[in-house]
Amino acid sequence: MALRREPTARQLRLAVELRRLREAAGLTNRQAADLLGVSTAQISQIEYGLAGVSEKRLRRIAANYTCADAELIEALVVMATDRTQGWWEEYREALPAAYLHLAELDHHATFRHDVAVIHVPGLFQTEDYARALFAYMNPEFPDSEVDLRVDHRMKRKVVIEGPSPLPYDTVIHEAALRIKVAGRTSMRTQLARILEMSEADHVTVRVIPFALEDFAGAGSALVHLGGAVPRLDTVIRDAPHGTVFLDSEAQLEHFRKLFRRVTEGSLPPEESRDLIHQLAKEL
């Protein structure tokens, strides 16, 4: 079977988890290969996401690595055997891999937590807002490139607007609600959209007001996506060199605590809606 040229986010995560299981068992590539009756090259290909793994082989790997976490094993089996070809695949040759990874992770997530400080969360953005944002951040792009990114962002919203919506809990700083990214009229529409979504049963919106004292989390923008088991959660952060995907147990626990801390310092949902209503009236 030919090796994969561009593993998906899900394939890469499976590969990482299999490597972690081997390392936790204290096995080298050679020792793992001998136990499984394969070459060291095959172990490396699996652990880099370049080659797939069948359910039978995955269960054999788990047994040889003495993994007793039944829930994790079942979750990994689902990841290994899933053949989903989502809507995002149509962008594979058109957009950077990070765009596809984000959509795929959203699709398979069990929940999503956002903290937004400067910009409205992507899943809430109107087309005008998203277009202004992409055009400003990428002034060298022709309209066609901006259109692609806007179209992709609008389609990603299916995870909270579709027939099986994802539980979505987001904290938005007042700064993001005041910055007129696409002008006064568009921002009024944008705030109305947030208010509309905040009424959905699966959506919780909280606001961090400017009046909040002792808030040092201005750089805490993040996305936390729930996996089938907590170990398979993913945190996504924007960095100067691009989008960063974090998934080590220490990193995940750090950002779980950070999200709880930010949430505790924000306004309750009802007061948050009142503040957004007030901001809309001021426009």
Protein backbone atom coordinates (compact mmCIF):
# COMPACT_ATOMS: atom_id res chain seq x y z
CA MET A 1 0.00 0.00 0.00
CA ALA A 2 1.33 3.42 -0.96
CA LEU A 3 2.34 5.75 1.85
CA ARG A 4 0.20 8.79 2.55
CA ARG A 5 1.46 12.07 1.19
CA GLU A 6 -0.54 14.35 3.48
CA PRO A 7 -1.92 12.65 6.63
CA THR A 8 -5.07 14.25 8.05
CA ALA A 9 -5.26 15.69 11.55
CA ARG A 10 -7.00 12.55 12.77
CA GLN A 11 -4.41 10.26 11.20
CA LEU A 12 -1.58 12.30 12.70
CA ARG A 13 -3.15 12.20 16.16
CA LEU A 14 -3.59 8.43 15.99
CA ALA A 15 0.08 8.15 15.04
CA VAL A 16 1.15 10.31 17.98
CA GLU A 17 -0.92 8.28 20.43
CA LEU A 18 0.54 4.99 19.19
CA ARG A 19 4.04 6.37 19.63
CA ARG A 20 3.15 7.51 23.15
CA LEU A 21 1.85 4.04 23.99
CA ARG A 22 5.10 2.48 22.79
CA GLU A 23 7.21 4.93 24.75
CA ALA A 24 5.08 4.41 27.89
CA ALA A 25 5.75 0.68 27.54
CA GLY A 26 9.49 1.43 27.46
CA LEU A 27 9.95 -0.13 24.02
CA THR A 28 12.27 0.96 21.23
CA ASN A 29 11.24 0.89 17.57
CA ARG A 30 13.23 -2.33 17.13
CA GLN A 31 11.63 -4.03 20.14
CA ALA A 32 8.13 -3.01 19.01
CA ALA A 33 8.85 -4.26 15.49
CA ASP A 34 10.04 -7.63 16.82
CA LEU A 35 6.93 -8.03 18.99
CA LEU A 36 4.62 -7.26 16.06
CA GLY A 37 6.60 -9.14 13.42
CA VAL A 38 7.10 -6.08 11.21
CA SER A 39 10.04 -3.92 10.19
CA THR A 40 11.25 -0.87 12.09
CA ALA A 41 10.40 1.13 8.96
CA GLN A 42 6.75 0.07 9.28
CA ILE A 43 6.67 1.16 12.93
CA SER A 44 8.08 4.56 11.93
CA GLN A 45 5.58 4.91 9.08
CA ILE A 46 2.69 4.19 11.43
CA GLU A 47 4.01 6.59 14.08
CA TYR A 48 4.35 9.41 11.54
CA GLY A 49 0.88 8.86 10.12
CA LEU A 50 2.28 7.82 6.74
CA ALA A 51 0.73 4.35 6.94
CA GLY A 52 -2.60 3.21 8.28
CA VAL A 53 -3.25 0.48 10.80
CA SER A 54 -6.07 -2.07 10.84
CA GLU A 55 -8.28 -2.73 13.85
CA LYS A 56 -6.65 -6.15 14.29
CA ARG A 57 -3.14 -4.72 14.28
CA LEU A 58 -4.10 -1.82 16.53
CA ARG A 59 -5.51 -4.18 19.14
CA ARG A 60 -2.37 -6.29 18.86
CA ILE A 61 -0.26 -3.17 19.35
CA ALA A 62 -2.25 -2.21 22.46
CA ALA A 63 -1.83 -5.74 23.88
CA ASN A 64 1.92 -5.81 23.23
CA TYR A 65 2.28 -2.33 24.70
CA THR A 66 0.29 -3.49 27.77
CA CYS A 67 -2.28 -0.70 27.40
CA ALA A 68 -5.19 -1.51 29.72
CA ASP A 69 -7.24 1.64 29.01
CA ALA A 70 -10.22 0.05 27.23
CA GLU A 71 -11.94 3.38 26.45
CA LEU A 72 -8.78 4.76 24.86
CA ILE A 73 -8.26 1.61 22.80
CA GLU A 74 -11.84 1.74 21.48
CA ALA A 75 -11.44 5.43 20.61
CA LEU A 76 -8.20 4.68 18.75
CA VAL A 77 -9.91 1.84 16.86
CA VAL A 78 -12.59 4.28 15.69
CA MET A 79 -9.90 6.72 14.57
CA ALA A 80 -8.03 3.99 12.72
CA THR A 81 -11.05 2.60 10.89
CA ASP A 82 -12.96 5.82 10.19
CA ARG A 83 -13.14 6.60 6.47
CA THR A 84 -15.00 9.91 6.66
CA GLN A 85 -14.51 12.14 3.64
CA GLY A 86 -15.86 15.42 4.94
CA TRP A 87 -16.82 18.57 3.08
CA TRP A 88 -13.38 20.03 3.84
CA GLU A 89 -11.71 17.61 1.42
CA GLU A 90 -12.76 19.79 -1.50
CA TYR A 91 -10.27 22.39 -0.22
CA ARG A 92 -7.32 19.99 0.03
CA GLU A 93 -5.44 21.40 -2.96
CA ALA A 94 -6.65 24.95 -2.43
CA LEU A 95 -5.95 25.86 1.20
CA PRO A 96 -3.13 25.19 3.70
CA ALA A 97 -3.43 21.94 5.68
CA ALA A 98 -4.26 23.79 8.92
CA TYR A 99 -7.66 24.81 7.49
CA LEU A 100 -8.52 21.19 6.79
CA HIS A 101 -7.23 20.07 10.18
CA LEU A 102 -9.45 22.61 11.95
CA ALA A 103 -12.57 21.48 10.11
CA GLU A 104 -11.81 17.79 10.66
CA LEU A 105 -11.16 18.28 14.37
CA ASP A 106 -14.40 20.27 14.71
CA HIS A 107 -16.34 17.51 12.95
CA HIS A 108 -15.14 14.77 15.32
CA ALA A 109 -15.14 16.81 18.54
CA THR A 110 -17.43 16.08 21.49
CA PHE A 111 -17.43 19.72 22.63
CA ARG A 112 -15.72 23.01 21.82
CA HIS A 113 -14.52 25.73 24.20
CA ASP A 114 -13.28 29.07 22.82
CA VAL A 115 -11.62 32.07 24.41
CA ALA A 116 -11.56 35.06 22.03
CA VAL A 117 -9.81 38.28 22.99
CA ILE A 118 -9.36 40.43 19.87
CA HIS A 119 -11.66 38.92 17.24
CA VAL A 120 -15.12 37.37 17.32
CA PRO A 121 -14.83 33.55 17.34
CA GLY A 122 -14.73 32.12 13.82
CA LEU A 123 -17.87 30.00 14.31
CA PHE A 124 -19.86 33.18 15.07
CA GLN A 125 -18.44 35.37 12.31
CA THR A 126 -20.70 36.76 9.61
CA GLU A 127 -19.49 36.70 6.03
CA ASP A 128 -18.75 40.46 6.05
CA TYR A 129 -16.74 40.18 9.25
CA ALA A 130 -14.72 37.18 8.04
CA ARG A 131 -14.05 38.80 4.65
CA ALA A 132 -12.78 42.02 6.22
CA LEU A 133 -10.57 40.04 8.57
CA PHE A 134 -8.98 37.83 5.90
CA ALA A 135 -8.50 40.74 3.50
CA TYR A 136 -6.81 42.90 6.13
CA MET A 137 -4.54 40.14 7.44
CA ASN A 138 -3.52 39.08 3.91
CA PRO A 139 -3.36 42.28 1.81
CA GLU A 140 -1.42 40.51 -0.93
CA PHE A 141 -4.24 38.02 -1.57
CA PRO A 142 -6.41 38.38 -4.68
CA ASP A 143 -10.16 38.32 -4.11
CA SER A 144 -10.31 34.66 -5.13
CA GLU A 145 -8.02 33.63 -2.25
CA VAL A 146 -10.04 35.65 0.25
CA ASP A 147 -13.24 34.10 -1.12
CA LEU A 148 -11.86 30.58 -0.54
CA ARG A 149 -11.07 31.29 3.10
CA VAL A 150 -14.39 32.99 3.75
CA ASP A 151 -16.28 30.13 2.10
CA HIS A 152 -14.40 27.58 4.20
CA ARG A 153 -15.09 29.52 7.41
CA MET A 154 -18.79 29.79 6.65
CA LYS A 155 -19.03 26.03 6.02
CA ARG A 156 -17.24 25.26 9.30
CA LYS A 157 -20.22 26.72 11.14
CA VAL A 158 -22.18 23.54 10.41
CA VAL A 159 -20.80 22.10 13.66
CA ILE A 160 -22.93 24.52 15.70
CA GLU A 161 -25.68 25.28 13.18
CA GLY A 162 -26.25 21.85 11.62
CA PRO A 163 -28.63 19.01 12.57
CA SER A 164 -26.28 17.56 15.24
CA PRO A 165 -24.75 20.67 16.82
CA LEU A 166 -21.66 20.54 18.99
CA PRO A 167 -21.91 21.75 22.60
CA TYR A 168 -20.21 25.14 22.35
CA ASP A 169 -19.02 27.27 25.26
CA THR A 170 -17.26 30.51 24.36
CA VAL A 171 -15.81 33.42 26.32
CA ILE A 172 -15.40 36.68 24.38
CA HIS A 173 -13.55 39.74 25.62
CA GLU A 174 -15.40 43.03 25.31
CA ALA A 175 -12.56 44.26 23.09
CA ALA A 176 -13.53 41.77 20.40
CA LEU A 177 -17.11 43.04 20.55
CA ARG A 178 -16.10 46.69 20.20
CA ILE A 179 -13.50 46.54 17.43
CA LYS A 180 -15.32 47.47 14.21
CA VAL A 181 -13.54 44.99 11.94
CA ALA A 182 -15.94 45.48 9.05
CA GLY A 183 -17.42 48.87 9.88
CA ARG A 184 -20.28 50.04 12.07
CA THR A 185 -23.21 48.51 10.15
CA SER A 186 -21.53 45.13 9.72
CA MET A 187 -20.56 45.07 13.39
CA ARG A 188 -24.16 45.66 14.38
CA THR A 189 -25.13 42.64 12.29
CA GLN A 190 -22.28 40.68 13.84
CA LEU A 191 -23.43 41.40 17.38
CA ALA A 192 -26.98 40.43 16.44
CA ARG A 193 -25.64 37.11 15.16
CA ILE A 194 -23.87 36.42 18.45
CA LEU A 195 -27.05 37.23 20.37
CA GLU A 196 -29.07 34.93 18.12
CA MET A 197 -26.67 32.02 18.64
CA SER A 198 -26.49 32.65 22.40
CA GLU A 199 -30.15 31.66 22.65
CA ALA A 200 -29.46 28.13 21.36
CA ASP A 201 -29.56 25.39 24.00
CA HIS A 202 -26.15 24.01 22.98
CA VAL A 203 -24.40 27.41 23.02
CA THR A 204 -23.12 29.34 26.04
CA VAL A 205 -21.70 32.84 25.58
CA ARG A 206 -19.87 34.71 28.32
CA VAL A 207 -18.21 38.12 28.08
CA ILE A 208 -15.10 39.41 29.83
CA PRO A 209 -15.91 43.10 30.45
CA PHE A 210 -13.32 45.87 30.38
CA ALA A 211 -14.36 46.58 33.96
CA LEU A 212 -13.02 43.24 35.17
CA GLU A 213 -10.08 43.81 37.50
CA ASP A 214 -7.01 41.59 37.81
CA PHE A 215 -7.42 40.10 34.35
CA ALA A 216 -4.00 39.19 32.97
CA GLY A 217 -5.26 36.81 30.31
CA ALA A 218 -5.21 39.10 27.30
CA GLY A 219 -3.00 36.61 25.48
CA SER A 220 -5.15 33.62 26.34
CA ALA A 221 -7.10 33.20 23.08
CA LEU A 222 -7.55 29.48 22.44
CA VAL A 223 -9.77 26.71 21.12
CA HIS A 224 -10.22 23.51 23.16
CA LEU A 225 -11.82 20.59 21.33
CA GLY A 226 -13.04 17.53 23.22
CA GLY A 227 -11.98 14.09 22.09
CA ALA A 228 -13.78 10.77 22.52
CA VAL A 229 -11.82 10.49 25.79
CA PRO A 230 -10.09 13.39 27.60
CA ARG A 231 -6.66 12.17 26.56
CA LEU A 232 -7.65 12.79 22.93
CA ASP A 233 -8.59 16.46 23.45
CA THR A 234 -6.81 19.07 21.34
CA VAL A 235 -5.98 22.72 22.06
CA ILE A 236 -5.47 25.05 19.12
CA ARG A 237 -3.64 28.36 19.38
CA ASP A 238 -2.63 30.94 16.79
CA ALA A 239 1.06 31.80 16.80
CA PRO A 240 3.16 34.22 14.70
CA HIS A 241 4.37 31.32 12.55
CA GLY A 242 0.95 29.72 12.11
CA THR A 243 -1.64 27.55 13.85
CA VAL A 244 -0.33 25.31 16.64
CA PHE A 245 -2.04 22.07 17.70
CA LEU A 246 -1.30 21.01 21.30
CA ASP A 247 -2.15 17.58 22.68
CA SER A 248 0.27 16.47 25.41
CA GLU A 249 -1.38 15.63 28.74
CA ALA A 250 0.47 18.44 30.52
CA GLN A 251 -0.55 21.01 27.90
CA LEU A 252 -4.18 19.88 27.92
CA GLU A 253 -4.44 20.08 31.70
CA HIS A 254 -2.86 23.55 31.68
CA PHE A 255 -5.42 24.89 29.22
CA ARG A 256 -8.34 23.18 30.98
CA LYS A 257 -7.38 25.09 34.11
CA LEU A 258 -6.91 28.30 32.13
CA PHE A 259 -10.36 28.00 30.54
CA ARG A 260 -11.96 27.44 33.95
CA ARG A 261 -10.14 30.49 35.30
CA VAL A 262 -11.21 32.72 32.42
CA THR A 263 -14.78 31.45 32.67
CA GLU A 264 -14.93 32.18 36.39
CA GLY A 265 -13.88 35.77 35.74
CA SER A 266 -16.41 36.43 32.97
CA LEU A 267 -20.00 37.64 33.21
CA PRO A 268 -22.79 35.04 33.49
CA PRO A 269 -24.62 34.30 30.21
CA GLU A 270 -27.62 36.57 30.94
CA GLU A 271 -25.44 39.53 31.93
CA SER A 272 -23.25 38.86 28.91
CA ARG A 273 -26.27 39.12 26.60
CA ASP A 274 -27.27 42.37 28.28
CA LEU A 275 -23.82 43.81 27.63
CA ILE A 276 -23.87 42.73 23.98
CA HIS A 277 -27.33 44.31 23.58
CA GLN A 278 -25.97 47.53 25.03
CA LEU A 279 -22.95 47.53 22.71
CA ALA A 280 -25.25 47.00 19.71
CA LYS A 281 -27.35 50.00 20.72
CA GLU A 282 -24.24 52.17 20.87
CA LEU A 283 -23.35 51.46 17.22
